[in-house]
PDB file of N, CA and C in Angstrom:
ATOM      1  N   MET A   1     155.767  61.299 197.663  1.00  0.00           N
ATOM      2  CA  MET A   1     156.635  60.521 198.514  1.00  0.00           C
ATOM      3  C   MET A   1     155.884  60.018 199.743  1.00  0.00           C
ATOM      4  N   HIS A   2     154.977  60.811 200.280  1.00  0.00           N
ATOM      5  CA  HIS A   2     154.217  60.394 201.457  1.00  0.00           C
ATOM      6  C   HIS A   2     153.354  59.172 201.156  1.00  0.00           C
ATOM      7  N   ARG A   3     152.802  59.104 199.947  1.00  0.00           N
ATOM      8  CA  ARG A   3     151.948  57.978 199.568  1.00  0.00           C
ATOM      9  C   ARG A   3     152.763  56.683 199.562  1.00  0.00           C
ATOM     10  N   ARG A   4     153.974  56.726 199.040  1.00  0.00           N
ATOM     11  CA  ARG A   4     154.818  55.534 199.014  1.00  0.00           C
ATOM     12  C   ARG A   4     155.155  55.072 200.433  1.00  0.00           C
ATOM     13  N   ALA A   5     155.424  56.020 201.305  1.00  0.00           N
ATOM     14  CA  ALA A   5     155.728  55.665 202.692  1.00  0.00           C
ATOM     15  C   ALA A   5     154.506  55.032 203.354  1.00  0.00           C
ATOM     16  N   ALA A   6     153.329  55.590 203.106  1.00  0.00           N
ATOM     17  CA  ALA A   6     152.111  55.029 203.680  1.00  0.00           C
ATOM     18  C   ALA A   6     151.847  53.632 203.120  1.00  0.00           C
ATOM     19  N   ASP A   7     152.078  53.452 201.821  1.00  0.00           N
ATOM     20  CA  ASP A   7     151.894  52.135 201.216  1.00  0.00           C
ATOM     21  C   ASP A   7     152.852  51.122 201.823  1.00  0.00           C
ATOM     22  N   ALA A   8     154.077  51.547 202.071  1.00  0.00           N
ATOM     23  CA  ALA A   8     155.069  50.641 202.661  1.00  0.00           C
ATOM     24  C   ALA A   8     154.644  50.220 204.059  1.00  0.00           C
ATOM     25  N   ARG A   9     154.089  51.140 204.833  1.00  0.00           N
ATOM     26  CA  ARG A   9     153.626  50.810 206.188  1.00  0.00           C
ATOM     27  C   ARG A   9     152.444  49.845 206.150  1.00  0.00           C
ATOM     28  N   LEU A  10     151.572  50.005 205.148  1.00  0.00           N
ATOM     29  CA  LEU A  10     150.381  49.162 205.043  1.00  0.00           C
ATOM     30  C   LEU A  10     150.666  47.843 204.339  1.00  0.00           C
ATOM     31  N   GLY A  11     151.856  47.715 203.778  1.00  0.00           N
ATOM     32  CA  GLY A  11     152.194  46.477 203.091  1.00  0.00           C
ATOM     33  C   GLY A  11     151.608  46.392 201.696  1.00  0.00           C
ATOM     34  N   THR A  12     151.206  47.518 201.139  1.00  0.00           N
ATOM     35  CA  THR A  12     150.683  47.511 199.769  1.00  0.00           C
ATOM     36  C   THR A  12     151.705  48.161 198.858  1.00  0.00           C
ATOM     37  N   ALA A  13     151.676  47.770 197.638  1.00  0.00           N
ATOM     38  CA  ALA A  13     152.611  48.336 196.665  1.00  0.00           C
ATOM     39  C   ALA A  13     151.822  48.906 195.506  1.00  0.00           C
ATOM     40  N   ARG A  14     152.213  50.054 195.083  1.00  0.00           N
ATOM     41  CA  ARG A  14     151.590  50.668 193.912  1.00  0.00           C
ATOM     42  C   ARG A  14     152.650  50.799 192.832  1.00  0.00           C
ATOM     43  N   THR A  15     152.277  50.467 191.659  1.00  0.00           N
ATOM     44  CA  THR A  15     153.199  50.635 190.552  1.00  0.00           C
ATOM     45  C   THR A  15     152.654  51.701 189.627  1.00  0.00           C
ATOM     46  N   ALA A  16     153.541  52.453 189.083  1.00  0.00           N
ATOM     47  CA  ALA A  16     153.121  53.489 188.142  1.00  0.00           C
ATOM     48  C   ALA A  16     152.720  52.818 186.841  1.00  0.00           C
ATOM     49  N   ALA A  17     151.493  53.055 186.427  1.00  0.00           N
ATOM     50  CA  ALA A  17     151.014  52.478 185.174  1.00  0.00           C
ATOM     51  C   ALA A  17     151.648  53.237 184.015  1.00  0.00           C
ATOM     52  N   ARG A  18     152.171  52.493 183.087  1.00  0.00           N
ATOM     53  CA  ARG A  18     152.757  53.107 181.907  1.00  0.00           C
ATOM     54  C   ARG A  18     151.625  53.560 181.007  1.00  0.00           C
ATOM     55  N   GLN A  19     151.568  54.830 180.750  1.00  0.00           N
ATOM     56  CA  GLN A  19     150.484  55.364 179.943  1.00  0.00           C
ATOM     57  C   GLN A  19     150.880  55.339 178.480  1.00  0.00           C
ATOM     58  N   VAL A  20     150.118  54.593 177.714  1.00  0.00           N
ATOM     59  CA  VAL A  20     150.343  54.500 176.290  1.00  0.00           C
ATOM     60  C   VAL A  20     149.064  54.953 175.606  1.00  0.00           C
ATOM     61  N   THR A  21     149.197  55.834 174.667  1.00  0.00           N
ATOM     62  CA  THR A  21     148.023  56.303 173.945  1.00  0.00           C
ATOM     63  C   THR A  21     148.190  56.018 172.465  1.00  0.00           C
ATOM     64  N   ALA A  22     147.076  55.791 171.825  1.00  0.00           N
ATOM     65  CA  ALA A  22     147.091  55.566 170.377  1.00  0.00           C
ATOM     66  C   ALA A  22     147.012  56.912 169.685  1.00  0.00           C
ATOM     67  N   ARG A  23     147.762  57.053 168.648  1.00  0.00           N
ATOM     68  CA  ARG A  23     147.701  58.287 167.855  1.00  0.00           C
ATOM     69  C   ARG A  23     146.658  58.070 166.782  1.00  0.00           C
ATOM     70  N   THR A  24     145.485  58.699 166.938  1.00  0.00           N
ATOM     71  CA  THR A  24     144.377  58.439 166.022  1.00  0.00           C
ATOM     72  C   THR A  24     144.279  59.461 164.916  1.00  0.00           C
ATOM     73  N   THR A  25     144.860  60.627 165.094  1.00  0.00           N
ATOM     74  CA  THR A  25     144.797  61.645 164.050  1.00  0.00           C
ATOM     75  C   THR A  25     146.166  62.253 163.848  1.00  0.00           C
ATOM     76  N   HIS A  26     146.377  62.725 162.665  1.00  0.00           N
ATOM     77  CA  HIS A  26     147.611  63.417 162.319  1.00  0.00           C
ATOM     78  C   HIS A  26     147.209  64.735 161.650  1.00  0.00           C
ATOM     79  N   PRO A  27     146.843  65.742 162.454  1.00  0.00           N
ATOM     80  CA  PRO A  27     146.341  66.984 161.867  1.00  0.00           C
ATOM     81  C   PRO A  27     147.437  67.722 161.103  1.00  0.00           C
ATOM     82  N   THR A  28     147.025  68.387 160.052  1.00  0.00           N
ATOM     83  CA  THR A  28     147.935  69.227 159.289  1.00  0.00           C
ATOM     84  C   THR A  28     147.397  70.649 159.306  1.00  0.00           C
ATOM     85  N   ALA A  29     148.261  71.579 159.044  1.00  0.00           N
ATOM     86  CA  ALA A  29     147.883  72.991 159.110  1.00  0.00           C
ATOM     87  C   ALA A  29     146.794  73.342 158.106  1.00  0.00           C
ATOM     88  N   GLU A  30     146.827  72.727 156.936  1.00  0.00           N
ATOM     89  CA  GLU A  30     145.845  73.091 155.906  1.00  0.00           C
ATOM     90  C   GLU A  30     144.497  72.393 156.075  1.00  0.00           C
ATOM     91  N   THR A  31     144.393  71.441 157.004  1.00  0.00           N
ATOM     92  CA  THR A  31     143.143  70.731 157.222  1.00  0.00           C
ATOM     93  C   THR A  31     142.255  71.530 158.164  1.00  0.00           C
ATOM     94  N   GLY A  32     141.081  71.883 157.691  1.00  0.00           N
ATOM     95  CA  GLY A  32     140.132  72.618 158.525  1.00  0.00           C
ATOM     96  C   GLY A  32     139.264  71.660 159.322  1.00  0.00           C
ATOM     97  N   ARG A  33     138.712  72.141 160.384  1.00  0.00           N
ATOM     98  CA  ARG A  33     137.800  71.331 161.183  1.00  0.00           C
ATOM     99  C   ARG A  33     136.386  71.503 160.646  1.00  0.00           C
ATOM    100  N   PRO A  34     135.585  70.429 160.693  1.00  0.00           N
ATOM    101  CA  PRO A  34     134.196  70.561 160.225  1.00  0.00           C
ATOM    102  C   PRO A  34     133.420  71.504 161.121  1.00  0.00           C
ATOM    103  N   GLY A  35     132.433  72.154 160.540  1.00  0.00           N
ATOM    104  CA  GLY A  35     131.609  73.092 161.298  1.00  0.00           C
ATOM    105  C   GLY A  35     130.655  72.388 162.249  1.00  0.00           C
ATOM    106  N   ASP A  36     130.203  73.118 163.254  1.00  0.00           N
ATOM    107  CA  ASP A  36     129.240  72.605 164.230  1.00  0.00           C
ATOM    108  C   ASP A  36     127.843  72.811 163.651  1.00  0.00           C
ATOM    109  N   LEU A  37     127.313  71.792 163.001  1.00  0.00           N
ATOM    110  CA  LEU A  37     126.045  71.923 162.283  1.00  0.00           C
ATOM    111  C   LEU A  37     124.840  72.093 163.190  1.00  0.00           C
ATOM    112  N   VAL A  38     124.919  71.660 164.448  1.00  0.00           N
ATOM    113  CA  VAL A  38     123.772  71.771 165.353  1.00  0.00           C
ATOM    114  C   VAL A  38     123.988  72.838 166.424  1.00  0.00           C
ATOM    115  N   LYS A  39     125.084  73.555 166.335  1.00  0.00           N
ATOM    116  CA  LYS A  39     125.402  74.652 167.272  1.00  0.00           C
ATOM    117  C   LYS A  39     125.316  74.202 168.726  1.00  0.00           C
ATOM    118  N   ARG A  40     125.828  72.974 169.006  1.00  0.00           N
ATOM    119  CA  ARG A  40     125.874  72.381 170.357  1.00  0.00           C
ATOM    120  C   ARG A  40     124.486  72.144 170.949  1.00  0.00           C
ATOM    121  N   ASN A  41     123.443  72.145 170.128  1.00  0.00           N
ATOM    122  CA  ASN A  41     122.076  71.881 170.588  1.00  0.00           C
ATOM    123  C   ASN A  41     121.757  70.418 170.271  1.00  0.00           C
ATOM    124  N   PHE A  42     121.898  69.548 171.254  1.00  0.00           N
ATOM    125  CA  PHE A  42     121.759  68.114 171.060  1.00  0.00           C
ATOM    126  C   PHE A  42     120.373  67.613 171.461  1.00  0.00           C
ATOM    127  N   ILE A  43     119.354  68.422 171.280  1.00  0.00           N
ATOM    128  CA  ILE A  43     117.989  68.055 171.648  1.00  0.00           C
ATOM    129  C   ILE A  43     117.201  67.711 170.391  1.00  0.00           C
ATOM    130  N   ALA A  44     116.527  66.576 170.424  1.00  0.00           N
ATOM    131  CA  ALA A  44     115.666  66.155 169.320  1.00  0.00           C
ATOM    132  C   ALA A  44     114.283  65.867 169.885  1.00  0.00           C
ATOM    133  N   VAL A  45     113.242  66.322 169.205  1.00  0.00           N
ATOM    134  CA  VAL A  45     111.871  66.139 169.696  1.00  0.00           C
ATOM    135  C   VAL A  45     111.213  64.878 169.137  1.00  0.00           C
ATOM    136  N   ARG A  46     111.876  64.226 168.169  1.00  0.00           N
ATOM    137  CA  ARG A  46     111.334  62.988 167.611  1.00  0.00           C
ATOM    138  C   ARG A  46     112.497  62.069 167.215  1.00  0.00           C
ATOM    139  N   PRO A  47     112.241  60.779 167.135  1.00  0.00           N
ATOM    140  CA  PRO A  47     113.296  59.838 166.734  1.00  0.00           C
ATOM    141  C   PRO A  47     113.817  60.163 165.333  1.00  0.00           C
ATOM    142  N   ASN A  48     115.081  59.881 165.124  1.00  0.00           N
ATOM    143  CA  ASN A  48     115.746  60.046 163.833  1.00  0.00           C
ATOM    144  C   ASN A  48     115.868  61.497 163.371  1.00  0.00           C
ATOM    145  N   GLN A  49     115.581  62.443 164.228  1.00  0.00           N
ATOM    146  CA  GLN A  49     115.735  63.852 163.873  1.00  0.00           C
ATOM    147  C   GLN A  49     117.206  64.266 163.925  1.00  0.00           C
ATOM    148  N   LEU A  50     117.932  63.742 164.898  1.00  0.00           N
ATOM    149  CA  LEU A  50     119.338  64.093 165.068  1.00  0.00           C
ATOM    150  C   LEU A  50     120.113  62.869 165.527  1.00  0.00           C
ATOM    151  N   TRP A  51     121.111  62.506 164.757  1.00  0.00           N
ATOM    152  CA  TRP A  51     122.008  61.427 165.140  1.00  0.00           C
ATOM    153  C   TRP A  51     123.376  62.012 165.446  1.00  0.00           C
ATOM    154  N   LEU A  52     124.026  61.461 166.440  1.00  0.00           N
ATOM    155  CA  LEU A  52     125.356  61.891 166.852  1.00  0.00           C
ATOM    156  C   LEU A  52     126.312  60.732 166.657  1.00  0.00           C
ATOM    157  N   ALA A  53     127.556  61.043 166.340  1.00  0.00           N
ATOM    158  CA  ALA A  53     128.539  59.990 166.116  1.00  0.00           C
ATOM    159  C   ALA A  53     129.757  60.216 166.991  1.00  0.00           C
ATOM    160  N   ASP A  54     130.396  59.118 167.366  1.00  0.00           N
ATOM    161  CA  ASP A  54     131.599  59.200 168.179  1.00  0.00           C
ATOM    162  C   ASP A  54     132.511  58.035 167.832  1.00  0.00           C
ATOM    163  N   LEU A  55     133.796  58.290 167.923  1.00  0.00           N
ATOM    164  CA  LEU A  55     134.816  57.254 167.767  1.00  0.00           C
ATOM    165  C   LEU A  55     135.588  57.163 169.068  1.00  0.00           C
ATOM    166  N   THR A  56     135.891  55.970 169.492  1.00  0.00           N
ATOM    167  CA  THR A  56     136.688  55.800 170.695  1.00  0.00           C
ATOM    168  C   THR A  56     137.615  54.609 170.513  1.00  0.00           C
ATOM    169  N   TYR A  57     138.560  54.464 171.396  1.00  0.00           N
ATOM    170  CA  TYR A  57     139.477  53.340 171.321  1.00  0.00           C
ATOM    171  C   TYR A  57     139.807  52.870 172.727  1.00  0.00           C
ATOM    172  N   VAL A  58     140.075  51.573 172.822  1.00  0.00           N
ATOM    173  CA  VAL A  58     140.358  50.950 174.114  1.00  0.00           C
ATOM    174  C   VAL A  58     141.602  50.079 173.960  1.00  0.00           C
ATOM    175  N   GLY A  59     142.541  50.252 174.860  1.00  0.00           N
ATOM    176  CA  GLY A  59     143.726  49.401 174.859  1.00  0.00           C
ATOM    177  C   GLY A  59     143.414  48.084 175.535  1.00  0.00           C
ATOM    178  N   THR A  60     143.778  46.993 174.899  1.00  0.00           N
ATOM    179  CA  THR A  60     143.578  45.666 175.470  1.00  0.00           C
ATOM    180  C   THR A  60     144.943  45.000 175.619  1.00  0.00           C
ATOM    181  N   SER A  61     144.950  43.808 176.146  1.00  0.00           N
ATOM    182  CA  SER A  61     146.219  43.099 176.336  1.00  0.00           C
ATOM    183  C   SER A  61     146.857  42.686 175.014  1.00  0.00           C
ATOM    184  N   VAL A  62     146.074  42.685 173.943  1.00  0.00           N
ATOM    185  CA  VAL A  62     146.620  42.277 172.644  1.00  0.00           C
ATOM    186  C   VAL A  62     146.678  43.417 171.624  1.00  0.00           C
ATOM    187  N   GLY A  63     146.317  44.618 172.018  1.00  0.00           N
ATOM    188  CA  GLY A  63     146.370  45.752 171.099  1.00  0.00           C
ATOM    189  C   GLY A  63     145.175  46.675 171.283  1.00  0.00           C
ATOM    190  N   TRP A  64     145.003  47.565 170.338  1.00  0.00           N
ATOM    191  CA  TRP A  64     143.926  48.549 170.395  1.00  0.00           C
ATOM    192  C   TRP A  64     142.681  48.032 169.699  1.00  0.00           C
ATOM    193  N   VAL A  65     141.518  48.403 170.243  1.00  0.00           N
ATOM    194  CA  VAL A  65     140.230  48.135 169.615  1.00  0.00           C
ATOM    195  C   VAL A  65     139.558  49.483 169.410  1.00  0.00           C
ATOM    196  N   TYR A  66     139.079  49.712 168.200  1.00  0.00           N
ATOM    197  CA  TYR A  66     138.447  50.977 167.848  1.00  0.00           C
ATOM    198  C   TYR A  66     136.957  50.751 167.665  1.00  0.00           C
ATOM    199  N   ALA A  67     136.144  51.673 168.162  1.00  0.00           N
ATOM    200  CA  ALA A  67     134.693  51.544 168.059  1.00  0.00           C
ATOM    201  C   ALA A  67     134.089  52.861 167.598  1.00  0.00           C
ATOM    202  N   ALA A  68     133.150  52.750 166.680  1.00  0.00           N
ATOM    203  CA  ALA A  68     132.391  53.903 166.203  1.00  0.00           C
ATOM    204  C   ALA A  68     130.933  53.677 166.579  1.00  0.00           C
ATOM    205  N   PHE A  69     130.292  54.714 167.089  1.00  0.00           N
ATOM    206  CA  PHE A  69     128.900  54.634 167.515  1.00  0.00           C
ATOM    207  C   PHE A  69     128.094  55.744 166.861  1.00  0.00           C
ATOM    208  N   VAL A  70     126.846  55.434 166.534  1.00  0.00           N
ATOM    209  CA  VAL A  70     125.886  56.439 166.087  1.00  0.00           C
ATOM    210  C   VAL A  70     124.744  56.397 167.088  1.00  0.00           C
ATOM    211  N   LEU A  71     124.443  57.546 167.693  1.00  0.00           N
ATOM    212  CA  LEU A  71     123.417  57.634 168.733  1.00  0.00           C
ATOM    213  C   LEU A  71     122.241  58.467 168.251  1.00  0.00           C
ATOM    214  N   ASP A  72     121.049  58.043 168.593  1.00  0.00           N
ATOM    215  CA  ASP A  72     119.856  58.839 168.328  1.00  0.00           C
ATOM    216  C   ASP A  72     119.699  59.815 169.493  1.00  0.00           C
ATOM    217  N   ALA A  73     119.733  61.117 169.214  1.00  0.00           N
ATOM    218  CA  ALA A  73     119.671  62.124 170.272  1.00  0.00           C
ATOM    219  C   ALA A  73     118.335  62.099 171.002  1.00  0.00           C
ATOM    220  N   HIS A  74     117.274  61.665 170.337  1.00  0.00           N
ATOM    221  CA  HIS A  74     115.959  61.635 170.986  1.00  0.00           C
ATOM    222  C   HIS A  74     115.868  60.523 172.028  1.00  0.00           C
ATOM    223  N   SER A  75     116.190  59.303 171.630  1.00  0.00           N
ATOM    224  CA  SER A  75     116.064  58.162 172.544  1.00  0.00           C
ATOM    225  C   SER A  75     117.331  57.921 173.356  1.00  0.00           C
ATOM    226  N   ARG A  76     118.436  58.536 172.914  1.00  0.00           N
ATOM    227  CA  ARG A  76     119.750  58.340 173.535  1.00  0.00           C
ATOM    228  C   ARG A  76     120.181  56.883 173.485  1.00  0.00           C
ATOM    229  N   MET A  77     119.727  56.191 172.458  1.00  0.00           N
ATOM    230  CA  MET A  77     120.099  54.791 172.258  1.00  0.00           C
ATOM    231  C   MET A  77     121.055  54.698 171.085  1.00  0.00           C
ATOM    232  N   ILE A  78     121.861  53.662 171.101  1.00  0.00           N
ATOM    233  CA  ILE A  78     122.785  53.437 169.997  1.00  0.00           C
ATOM    234  C   ILE A  78     121.978  52.963 168.794  1.00  0.00           C
ATOM    235  N   ALA A  79     122.088  53.711 167.706  1.00  0.00           N
ATOM    236  CA  ALA A  79     121.372  53.369 166.479  1.00  0.00           C
ATOM    237  C   ALA A  79     122.213  52.448 165.601  1.00  0.00           C
ATOM    238  N   GLY A  80     123.530  52.554 165.703  1.00  0.00           N
ATOM    239  CA  GLY A  80     124.417  51.706 164.924  1.00  0.00           C
ATOM    240  C   GLY A  80     125.813  51.738 165.508  1.00  0.00           C
ATOM    241  N   TRP A  81     126.586  50.708 165.243  1.00  0.00           N
ATOM    242  CA  TRP A  81     127.948  50.665 165.771  1.00  0.00           C
ATOM    243  C   TRP A  81     128.797  49.766 164.898  1.00  0.00           C
ATOM    244  N   GLN A  82     130.099  49.944 165.021  1.00  0.00           N
ATOM    245  CA  GLN A  82     131.066  49.109 164.312  1.00  0.00           C
ATOM    246  C   GLN A  82     132.336  49.061 165.145  1.00  0.00           C
ATOM    247  N   VAL A  83     132.961  47.901 165.231  1.00  0.00           N
ATOM    248  CA  VAL A  83     134.188  47.714 166.006  1.00  0.00           C
ATOM    249  C   VAL A  83     135.234  47.106 165.081  1.00  0.00           C
ATOM    250  N   ALA A  84     136.493  47.541 165.260  1.00  0.00           N
ATOM    251  CA  ALA A  84     137.577  47.009 164.435  1.00  0.00           C
ATOM    252  C   ALA A  84     138.878  47.033 165.217  1.00  0.00           C
ATOM    253  N   THR A  85     139.827  46.237 164.763  1.00  0.00           N
ATOM    254  CA  THR A  85     141.143  46.212 165.402  1.00  0.00           C
ATOM    255  C   THR A  85     142.105  47.194 164.747  1.00  0.00           C
ATOM    256  N   SER A  86     141.656  47.880 163.712  1.00  0.00           N
ATOM    257  CA  SER A  86     142.458  48.950 163.107  1.00  0.00           C
ATOM    258  C   SER A  86     141.534  50.122 162.805  1.00  0.00           C
ATOM    259  N   LEU A  87     142.090  51.299 162.842  1.00  0.00           N
ATOM    260  CA  LEU A  87     141.296  52.507 162.605  1.00  0.00           C
ATOM    261  C   LEU A  87     141.323  52.803 161.111  1.00  0.00           C
ATOM    262  N   TYR A  88     140.388  52.219 160.406  1.00  0.00           N
ATOM    263  CA  TYR A  88     140.339  52.422 158.964  1.00  0.00           C
ATOM    264  C   TYR A  88     139.411  53.589 158.626  1.00  0.00           C
ATOM    265  N   THR A  89     139.544  54.095 157.425  1.00  0.00           N
ATOM    266  CA  THR A  89     138.867  55.326 157.017  1.00  0.00           C
ATOM    267  C   THR A  89     137.353  55.243 157.148  1.00  0.00           C
ATOM    268  N   ASP A  90     136.749  54.140 156.772  1.00  0.00           N
ATOM    269  CA  ASP A  90     135.290  54.047 156.733  1.00  0.00           C
ATOM    270  C   ASP A  90     134.662  53.472 158.005  1.00  0.00           C
ATOM    271  N   LEU A  91     135.379  53.419 159.101  1.00  0.00           N
ATOM    272  CA  LEU A  91     134.828  52.848 160.332  1.00  0.00           C
ATOM    273  C   LEU A  91     133.550  53.586 160.753  1.00  0.00           C
ATOM    274  N   ALA A  92     133.577  54.909 160.794  1.00  0.00           N
ATOM    275  CA  ALA A  92     132.392  55.684 161.179  1.00  0.00           C
ATOM    276  C   ALA A  92     131.286  55.542 160.139  1.00  0.00           C
ATOM    277  N   LEU A  93     131.654  55.497 158.868  1.00  0.00           N
ATOM    278  CA  LEU A  93     130.657  55.328 157.811  1.00  0.00           C
ATOM    279  C   LEU A  93     129.978  53.965 157.918  1.00  0.00           C
ATOM    280  N   ASP A  94     130.724  52.929 158.276  1.00  0.00           N
ATOM    281  CA  ASP A  94     130.127  51.609 158.469  1.00  0.00           C
ATOM    282  C   ASP A  94     129.132  51.613 159.630  1.00  0.00           C
ATOM    283  N   ALA A  95     129.441  52.345 160.696  1.00  0.00           N
ATOM    284  CA  ALA A  95     128.504  52.470 161.818  1.00  0.00           C
ATOM    285  C   ALA A  95     127.232  53.187 161.373  1.00  0.00           C
ATOM    286  N   LEU A  96     127.390  54.219 160.539  1.00  0.00           N
ATOM    287  CA  LEU A  96     126.228  54.950 160.019  1.00  0.00           C
ATOM    288  C   LEU A  96     125.384  54.051 159.121  1.00  0.00           C
ATOM    289  N   LYS A  97     126.021  53.271 158.270  1.00  0.00           N
ATOM    290  CA  LYS A  97     125.280  52.342 157.407  1.00  0.00           C
ATOM    291  C   LYS A  97     124.505  51.321 158.231  1.00  0.00           C
ATOM    292  N   THR A  98     125.117  50.849 159.321  1.00  0.00           N
ATOM    293  CA  THR A  98     124.432  49.908 160.213  1.00  0.00           C
ATOM    294  C   THR A  98     123.204  50.563 160.832  1.00  0.00           C
ATOM    295  N   ALA A  99     123.345  51.815 161.271  1.00  0.00           N
ATOM    296  CA  ALA A  99     122.221  52.538 161.876  1.00  0.00           C
ATOM    297  C   ALA A  99     121.082  52.708 160.872  1.00  0.00           C
ATOM    298  N   ILE A 100     121.428  53.091 159.661  1.00  0.00           N
ATOM    299  CA  ILE A 100     120.398  53.275 158.627  1.00  0.00           C
ATOM    300  C   ILE A 100     119.701  51.951 158.335  1.00  0.00           C
ATOM    301  N   TRP A 101     120.461  50.871 158.196  1.00  0.00           N
ATOM    302  CA  TRP A 101     119.864  49.568 157.918  1.00  0.00           C
ATOM    303  C   TRP A 101     118.929  49.153 159.053  1.00  0.00           C
ATOM    304  N   CYS A 102     119.375  49.339 160.302  1.00  0.00           N
ATOM    305  CA  CYS A 102     118.543  48.949 161.453  1.00  0.00           C
ATOM    306  C   CYS A 102     117.246  49.740 161.495  1.00  0.00           C
ATOM    307  N   ARG A 103     117.307  51.039 161.216  1.00  0.00           N
ATOM    308  CA  ARG A 103     116.091  51.867 161.250  1.00  0.00           C
ATOM    309  C   ARG A 103     115.144  51.502 160.117  1.00  0.00           C
ATOM    310  N   GLU A 104     115.696  51.194 158.947  1.00  0.00           N
ATOM    311  CA  GLU A 104     114.848  50.829 157.816  1.00  0.00           C
ATOM    312  C   GLU A 104     114.196  49.457 157.998  1.00  0.00           C
ATOM    313  N   ASN A 105     114.806  48.600 158.812  1.00  0.00           N
ATOM    314  CA  ASN A 105     114.316  47.236 158.985  1.00  0.00           C
ATOM    315  C   ASN A 105     113.726  46.979 160.363  1.00  0.00           C
ATOM    316  N   GLN A 106     113.315  48.014 161.083  1.00  0.00           N
ATOM    317  CA  GLN A 106     112.691  47.832 162.383  1.00  0.00           C
ATOM    318  C   GLN A 106     111.416  47.019 162.223  1.00  0.00           C
ATOM    319  N   GLY A 107     111.243  46.047 163.081  1.00  0.00           N
ATOM    320  CA  GLY A 107     110.035  45.242 163.059  1.00  0.00           C
ATOM    321  C   GLY A 107     110.093  44.068 162.087  1.00  0.00           C
ATOM    322  N   VAL A 108     111.180  43.963 161.324  1.00  0.00           N
ATOM    323  CA  VAL A 108     111.337  42.847 160.394  1.00  0.00           C
ATOM    324  C   VAL A 108     112.017  41.722 161.148  1.00  0.00           C
ATOM    325  N   ALA A 109     111.401  40.553 161.164  1.00  0.00           N
ATOM    326  CA  ALA A 109     111.975  39.406 161.852  1.00  0.00           C
ATOM    327  C   ALA A 109     113.244  38.974 161.155  1.00  0.00           C
ATOM    328  N   ALA A 110     114.240  38.621 161.933  1.00  0.00           N
ATOM    329  CA  ALA A 110     115.502  38.149 161.359  1.00  0.00           C
ATOM    330  C   ALA A 110     115.248  36.896 160.548  1.00  0.00           C
ATOM    331  N   GLY A 111     115.763  36.859 159.332  1.00  0.00           N
ATOM    332  CA  GLY A 111     115.600  35.689 158.489  1.00  0.00           C
ATOM    333  C   GLY A 111     114.253  35.628 157.800  1.00  0.00           C
ATOM    334  N   ALA A 112     113.438  36.668 157.906  1.00  0.00           N
ATOM    335  CA  ALA A 112     112.114  36.654 157.262  1.00  0.00           C
ATOM    336  C   ALA A 112     112.273  36.668 155.741  1.00  0.00           C
ATOM    337  N   VAL A 113     111.439  35.914 155.068  1.00  0.00           N
ATOM    338  CA  VAL A 113     111.495  35.835 153.626  1.00  0.00           C
ATOM    339  C   VAL A 113     110.220  36.461 153.070  1.00  0.00           C
ATOM    340  N   GLY A 114     110.395  37.426 152.185  1.00  0.00           N
ATOM    341  CA  GLY A 114     109.220  38.079 151.580  1.00  0.00           C
ATOM    342  C   GLY A 114     108.568  37.165 150.545  1.00  0.00           C
ATOM    343  N   GLY A 115     107.272  37.373 150.292  1.00  0.00           N
ATOM    344  CA  GLY A 115     106.687  36.497 149.297  1.00  0.00           C
ATOM    345  C   GLY A 115     105.307  36.774 149.007  1.00  0.00           C
TER     346      GLY A 115
END
């Protein structure tokens, strides 16, 4: 209440932002969580030794945008990514495929023709 009174004195108005969240998962009791394969040790001594993946979503004025990223733990650079307007099953897999393709084709000029 004090903040509203102070805002009124200063001539500023604050509106409560309506918080809307996307429901990205629907967990069930019988679904187990995947194991922690790296035991929270996110250190890699060489490139491509350990890749990390993440999914996130951002609300925009026209709806939700979902993004999947694959990061190289050694360089801390994005190795692959994929963005979509719907959270489809293979979004993370598409980001992984992009990362693999980029690593396999490093140094290849875009549009290069073999011969």
